[in-house]
Amino acid sequence: MIRRLGEVSYKIARRIVIAVIGGTILLGGIIMLATPGPGLAVILLGLAILAIEFAWAKLWLAKVRHSVTPEGREALRGHYSSLRERWFVKKNDEKPAEKP
């Protein structure tokens, strides 16, 4: 019983340590986006550390890795252009709204 308790305590402590270290590095990377420094590289490092223990971080890391490949950039470019057309480009058959 004591051995099992020690094993559970180790897993929880490891998870907490990984969360604190990875979260701190991730937060530092986010801050570096606005200040001088290698923000994106540090964000990737923080996500990689968090992905050791957390599934959501592993998913985010996979999305970021995919977005830096040529195929991923092309997919994002297509997604952004469709959003731009939907939100900002007026259709030819639409009339501008009249002022009351």
C-alpha atoms as a PDB file:
ATOM      1  CA  MET A   1       0.000   0.000   0.000  1.00  0.00           C
ATOM      2  CA  ILE A   2       2.768   2.406   0.848  1.00  0.00           C
ATOM      3  CA  ARG A   3       4.572   1.493  -2.367  1.00  0.00           C
ATOM      4  CA  ARG A   4       1.400   2.226  -4.372  1.00  0.00           C
ATOM      5  CA  LEU A   5       0.956   5.553  -2.593  1.00  0.00           C
ATOM      6  CA  GLY A   6       4.542   6.474  -3.414  1.00  0.00           C
ATOM      7  CA  GLU A   7       3.981   5.550  -7.058  1.00  0.00           C
ATOM      8  CA  VAL A   8       0.852   7.709  -7.284  1.00  0.00           C
ATOM      9  CA  SER A   9       2.603  10.596  -5.539  1.00  0.00           C
ATOM     10  CA  TYR A  10       5.507  10.346  -7.986  1.00  0.00           C
ATOM     11  CA  LYS A  11       3.161  10.510 -10.995  1.00  0.00           C
ATOM     12  CA  ILE A  12       1.324  13.527  -9.632  1.00  0.00           C
ATOM     13  CA  ALA A  13       4.564  15.303  -8.696  1.00  0.00           C
ATOM     14  CA  ARG A  14       6.032  14.601 -12.154  1.00  0.00           C
ATOM     15  CA  ARG A  15       2.910  15.970 -13.823  1.00  0.00           C
ATOM     16  CA  ILE A  16       3.018  19.134 -11.697  1.00  0.00           C
ATOM     17  CA  VAL A  17       6.731  19.715 -12.380  1.00  0.00           C
ATOM     18  CA  ILE A  18       6.259  19.256 -16.141  1.00  0.00           C
ATOM     19  CA  ALA A  19       3.245  21.604 -16.097  1.00  0.00           C
ATOM     20  CA  VAL A  20       5.129  24.318 -14.214  1.00  0.00           C
ATOM     21  CA  ILE A  21       8.292  24.123 -16.334  1.00  0.00           C
ATOM     22  CA  GLY A  22       6.471  23.797 -19.668  1.00  0.00           C
ATOM     23  CA  GLY A  23       3.919  26.470 -18.775  1.00  0.00           C
ATOM     24  CA  THR A  24       6.622  28.907 -17.735  1.00  0.00           C
ATOM     25  CA  ILE A  25       8.563  28.374 -20.955  1.00  0.00           C
ATOM     26  CA  LEU A  26       5.368  28.656 -23.018  1.00  0.00           C
ATOM     27  CA  LEU A  27       4.418  31.894 -21.262  1.00  0.00           C
ATOM     28  CA  GLY A  28       7.924  33.245 -21.830  1.00  0.00           C
ATOM     29  CA  GLY A  29       7.569  32.469 -25.532  1.00  0.00           C
ATOM     30  CA  ILE A  30       4.249  34.292 -25.699  1.00  0.00           C
ATOM     31  CA  ILE A  31       5.835  37.305 -24.030  1.00  0.00           C
ATOM     32  CA  MET A  32       8.721  37.127 -26.512  1.00  0.00           C
ATOM     33  CA  LEU A  33       6.278  37.552 -29.378  1.00  0.00           C
ATOM     34  CA  ALA A  34       5.837  41.173 -28.290  1.00  0.00           C
ATOM     35  CA  THR A  35       9.392  41.716 -27.066  1.00  0.00           C
ATOM     36  CA  PRO A  36      12.707  40.911 -28.735  1.00  0.00           C
ATOM     37  CA  GLY A  37      13.547  37.238 -28.629  1.00  0.00           C
ATOM     38  CA  PRO A  38      12.919  33.912 -30.340  1.00  0.00           C
ATOM     39  CA  GLY A  39       9.239  33.715 -29.405  1.00  0.00           C
ATOM     40  CA  LEU A  40       8.099  30.986 -31.782  1.00  0.00           C
ATOM     41  CA  ALA A  41      11.029  28.718 -30.981  1.00  0.00           C
ATOM     42  CA  VAL A  42      10.416  29.080 -27.251  1.00  0.00           C
ATOM     43  CA  ILE A  43       6.687  28.428 -27.716  1.00  0.00           C
ATOM     44  CA  LEU A  44       7.518  25.218 -29.578  1.00  0.00           C
ATOM     45  CA  LEU A  45       9.897  24.205 -26.796  1.00  0.00           C
ATOM     46  CA  GLY A  46       7.239  24.846 -24.152  1.00  0.00           C
ATOM     47  CA  LEU A  47       4.662  22.826 -26.107  1.00  0.00           C
ATOM     48  CA  ALA A  48       7.155  19.990 -26.534  1.00  0.00           C
ATOM     49  CA  ILE A  49       7.764  19.879 -22.790  1.00  0.00           C
ATOM     50  CA  LEU A  50       4.045  19.977 -22.039  1.00  0.00           C
ATOM     51  CA  ALA A  51       3.407  17.269 -24.655  1.00  0.00           C
ATOM     52  CA  ILE A  52       5.429  14.837 -22.539  1.00  0.00           C
ATOM     53  CA  GLU A  53       2.520  14.641 -20.116  1.00  0.00           C
ATOM     54  CA  PHE A  54      -0.559  16.323 -21.625  1.00  0.00           C
ATOM     55  CA  ALA A  55      -2.556  15.182 -24.670  1.00  0.00           C
ATOM     56  CA  TRP A  56      -3.842  18.679 -25.545  1.00  0.00           C
ATOM     57  CA  ALA A  57      -0.287  19.968 -25.842  1.00  0.00           C
ATOM     58  CA  LYS A  58       0.592  17.046 -28.103  1.00  0.00           C
ATOM     59  CA  LEU A  59      -2.319  17.988 -30.388  1.00  0.00           C
ATOM     60  CA  TRP A  60      -1.290  21.664 -30.500  1.00  0.00           C
ATOM     61  CA  LEU A  61       2.297  20.678 -31.230  1.00  0.00           C
ATOM     62  CA  ALA A  62       1.152  18.457 -34.097  1.00  0.00           C
ATOM     63  CA  LYS A  63      -0.903  21.333 -35.542  1.00  0.00           C
ATOM     64  CA  VAL A  64       2.036  23.732 -35.317  1.00  0.00           C
ATOM     65  CA  ARG A  65       4.398  21.182 -36.885  1.00  0.00           C
ATOM     66  CA  HIS A  66       1.925  20.636 -39.721  1.00  0.00           C
ATOM     67  CA  SER A  67       1.527  24.372 -40.300  1.00  0.00           C
ATOM     68  CA  VAL A  68       5.261  24.839 -40.925  1.00  0.00           C
ATOM     69  CA  THR A  69       5.373  22.224 -43.708  1.00  0.00           C
ATOM     70  CA  PRO A  70       4.669  23.379 -47.281  1.00  0.00           C
ATOM     71  CA  GLU A  71       1.447  21.349 -47.396  1.00  0.00           C
ATOM     72  CA  GLY A  72       0.287  22.825 -44.102  1.00  0.00           C
ATOM     73  CA  ARG A  73       1.042  26.371 -45.189  1.00  0.00           C
ATOM     74  CA  GLU A  74      -0.902  25.821 -48.415  1.00  0.00           C
ATOM     75  CA  ALA A  75      -3.871  24.448 -46.456  1.00  0.00           C
ATOM     76  CA  LEU A  76      -3.782  27.437 -44.106  1.00  0.00           C
ATOM     77  CA  ARG A  77      -3.494  29.837 -47.032  1.00  0.00           C
ATOM     78  CA  GLY A  78      -6.621  28.295 -48.579  1.00  0.00           C
ATOM     79  CA  HIS A  79      -8.459  28.481 -45.259  1.00  0.00           C
ATOM     80  CA  TYR A  80      -7.526  32.122 -44.717  1.00  0.00           C
ATOM     81  CA  SER A  81      -8.452  33.129 -48.243  1.00  0.00           C
ATOM     82  CA  SER A  82     -11.904  31.536 -47.874  1.00  0.00           C
ATOM     83  CA  LEU A  83     -12.410  33.393 -44.589  1.00  0.00           C
ATOM     84  CA  ARG A  84     -11.280  36.652 -46.194  1.00  0.00           C
ATOM     85  CA  GLU A  85     -13.713  36.179 -49.076  1.00  0.00           C
ATOM     86  CA  ARG A  86     -16.562  35.369 -46.732  1.00  0.00           C
ATOM     87  CA  TRP A  87     -15.968  38.289 -44.377  1.00  0.00           C
ATOM     88  CA  PHE A  88     -14.444  41.119 -46.394  1.00  0.00           C
ATOM     89  CA  VAL A  89     -15.144  40.738 -50.095  1.00  0.00           C
ATOM     90  CA  LYS A  90     -18.533  41.992 -51.269  1.00  0.00           C
ATOM     91  CA  LYS A  91     -20.363  39.832 -53.704  1.00  0.00           C
ATOM     92  CA  ASN A  92     -21.226  41.433 -57.070  1.00  0.00           C
ATOM     93  CA  ASP A  93     -24.928  40.757 -56.797  1.00  0.00           C
ATOM     94  CA  GLU A  94     -25.293  42.287 -53.334  1.00  0.00           C
ATOM     95  CA  LYS A  95     -26.379  45.895 -53.060  1.00  0.00           C
ATOM     96  CA  PRO A  96     -24.859  48.075 -50.362  1.00  0.00           C
ATOM     97  CA  ALA A  97     -27.115  48.630 -47.402  1.00  0.00           C
ATOM     98  CA  GLU A  98     -29.208  51.784 -47.692  1.00  0.00           C
ATOM     99  CA  LYS A  99     -29.185  54.307 -44.901  1.00  0.00           C
ATOM    100  CA  PRO A 100     -32.626  54.909 -43.357  1.00  0.00           C
END
